[in-house]
Amino acid sequence: MLPIFGDLRAIWALTLEGQLVEILHEYPGLTPVQPSRTQRLRIHQALMQGAIKFPALAPYFPQRTADDQACPLCAKGGIGEKFAGTSACWCGGSGWLPEGVSQNIKLGREVLENRE
């Protein structure tokens, strides 16, 4: 397996067959499981981070379509200087999010900005 992304909860990796799998830290030793479709945002983030870390793999990862939205968190520009060297943005540094995902991020941003 090739680890392409990790956070405090899990490591995301590509198998030799090209499948994306999630390995939870809380359950070491378990067989990796294929992520569910309900994790579209996390899958996108992992794949985009993989494309940044391993540019040769980028053509095999999702490409932006006309239905996808600009990322509302990183000002539509990918990681840039704001998140350089990190995976702080939910778009994984791509500057865009899959269709239907950006609304949840936008709402979360509004909540954070309105906190005192």
Protein backbone atom coordinates (compact mmCIF):
# COMPACT_ATOMS: atom_id res chain seq x y z
CA MET A 1 0.00 0.00 0.00
CA LEU A 2 1.01 3.58 -0.69
CA PRO A 3 -0.05 6.04 2.05
CA ILE A 4 -1.27 9.24 0.38
CA PHE A 5 -2.93 11.11 3.26
CA GLY A 6 -3.26 10.90 7.01
CA ASP A 7 -4.78 12.75 9.91
CA LEU A 8 -5.50 12.15 13.58
CA ARG A 9 -8.25 9.67 12.73
CA ALA A 10 -6.95 7.56 9.87
CA ILE A 11 -4.47 6.93 7.10
CA TRP A 12 -5.69 6.80 3.50
CA ALA A 13 -3.73 4.64 1.10
CA LEU A 14 -3.81 3.18 -2.40
CA THR A 15 -3.60 -0.59 -2.77
CA LEU A 16 -1.61 -2.30 -5.52
CA GLU A 17 -4.95 -2.72 -7.31
CA GLY A 18 -5.49 1.06 -7.24
CA GLN A 19 -8.25 1.08 -4.63
CA LEU A 20 -8.40 3.83 -2.01
CA VAL A 21 -8.63 2.42 1.51
CA GLU A 22 -8.94 3.96 4.96
CA ILE A 23 -7.03 2.53 7.93
CA LEU A 24 -8.36 3.75 11.27
CA HIS A 25 -5.75 4.45 13.97
CA GLU A 26 -8.05 3.22 16.75
CA TYR A 27 -8.15 -0.30 15.35
CA PRO A 28 -4.58 -1.30 14.42
CA GLY A 29 -4.20 -4.61 12.69
CA LEU A 30 -7.59 -4.60 11.00
CA THR A 31 -7.85 -5.08 7.27
CA PRO A 32 -8.26 -1.73 5.47
CA VAL A 33 -11.80 -1.03 4.35
CA GLN A 34 -12.92 0.74 1.24
CA PRO A 35 -14.42 4.15 2.15
CA SER A 36 -18.15 4.58 1.69
CA ARG A 37 -19.68 7.04 -0.75
CA THR A 38 -20.89 9.13 2.19
CA GLN A 39 -17.29 10.15 2.75
CA ARG A 40 -17.03 12.04 -0.55
CA LEU A 41 -15.33 15.03 1.02
CA ARG A 42 -12.69 12.92 2.81
CA ILE A 43 -12.10 10.86 -0.32
CA HIS A 44 -11.60 14.04 -2.35
CA GLN A 45 -9.21 15.46 0.25
CA ALA A 46 -7.16 12.25 0.34
CA LEU A 47 -6.93 11.97 -3.44
CA MET A 48 -5.96 15.61 -3.91
CA GLN A 49 -3.24 15.32 -1.26
CA GLY A 50 -2.03 12.18 -3.04
CA ALA A 51 -1.85 14.08 -6.32
CA ILE A 52 0.26 16.77 -4.65
CA LYS A 53 2.61 14.27 -2.98
CA PHE A 54 2.87 11.97 -6.00
CA PRO A 55 2.45 14.08 -9.18
CA ALA A 56 2.88 11.04 -11.44
CA LEU A 57 -0.39 9.67 -10.02
CA ALA A 58 -2.37 12.88 -10.57
CA PRO A 59 -3.85 11.80 -13.96
CA TYR A 60 -5.49 8.82 -12.25
CA PHE A 61 -7.27 10.94 -9.65
CA PRO A 62 -10.55 12.82 -10.21
CA GLN A 63 -10.46 15.82 -12.51
CA ARG A 64 -12.67 18.85 -11.98
CA THR A 65 -15.95 18.90 -13.91
CA ALA A 66 -18.25 21.79 -14.78
CA ASP A 67 -20.56 20.79 -11.89
CA ASP A 68 -17.84 21.00 -9.23
CA GLN A 69 -17.59 24.11 -7.06
CA ALA A 70 -14.68 26.36 -6.14
CA CYS A 71 -13.56 25.79 -2.56
CA PRO A 72 -15.13 28.39 -0.26
CA LEU A 73 -12.37 28.05 2.36
CA CYS A 74 -9.12 28.64 0.52
CA ALA A 75 -10.40 31.48 -1.66
CA LYS A 76 -10.63 29.31 -4.77
CA GLY A 77 -6.88 29.09 -5.22
CA GLY A 78 -5.81 25.74 -3.83
CA ILE A 79 -3.33 25.54 -0.98
CA GLY A 80 -1.27 28.53 -2.04
CA GLU A 81 0.54 30.44 0.70
CA LYS A 82 -2.35 30.24 3.13
CA PHE A 83 -2.05 26.48 3.66
CA ALA A 84 1.41 25.72 2.22
CA GLY A 85 2.88 22.50 3.58
CA THR A 86 -0.36 21.43 5.25
CA SER A 87 -3.64 19.75 4.43
CA ALA A 88 -5.57 22.36 6.39
CA CYS A 89 -8.10 22.95 3.64
CA TRP A 90 -10.94 20.50 3.01
CA CYS A 91 -10.35 20.61 -0.74
CA GLY A 92 -7.00 18.92 -0.16
CA GLY A 93 -5.24 21.75 -1.95
CA SER A 94 -7.09 21.39 -5.25
CA GLY A 95 -9.06 24.64 -4.97
CA TRP A 96 -12.34 22.84 -5.77
CA LEU A 97 -14.83 20.42 -4.22
CA PRO A 98 -17.03 17.73 -5.78
CA GLU A 99 -20.58 18.71 -6.66
CA GLY A 100 -22.86 18.90 -3.63
CA VAL A 101 -20.07 19.03 -1.04
CA SER A 102 -19.19 22.73 -0.98
CA GLN A 103 -22.48 23.81 0.63
CA ASN A 104 -21.60 21.92 3.83
CA ILE A 105 -18.18 23.59 3.93
CA LYS A 106 -19.69 27.03 3.33
CA LEU A 107 -22.08 26.58 6.26
CA GLY A 108 -19.24 25.44 8.51
CA ARG A 109 -17.18 28.48 7.55
CA GLU A 110 -20.05 30.84 8.38
CA VAL A 111 -20.41 29.24 11.81
CA LEU A 112 -16.70 29.67 12.51
CA GLU A 113 -16.61 33.26 11.30
CA ASN A 114 -19.61 34.24 13.47
CA ARG A 115 -18.15 32.83 16.70
CA GLU A 116 -16.93 35.42 19.15
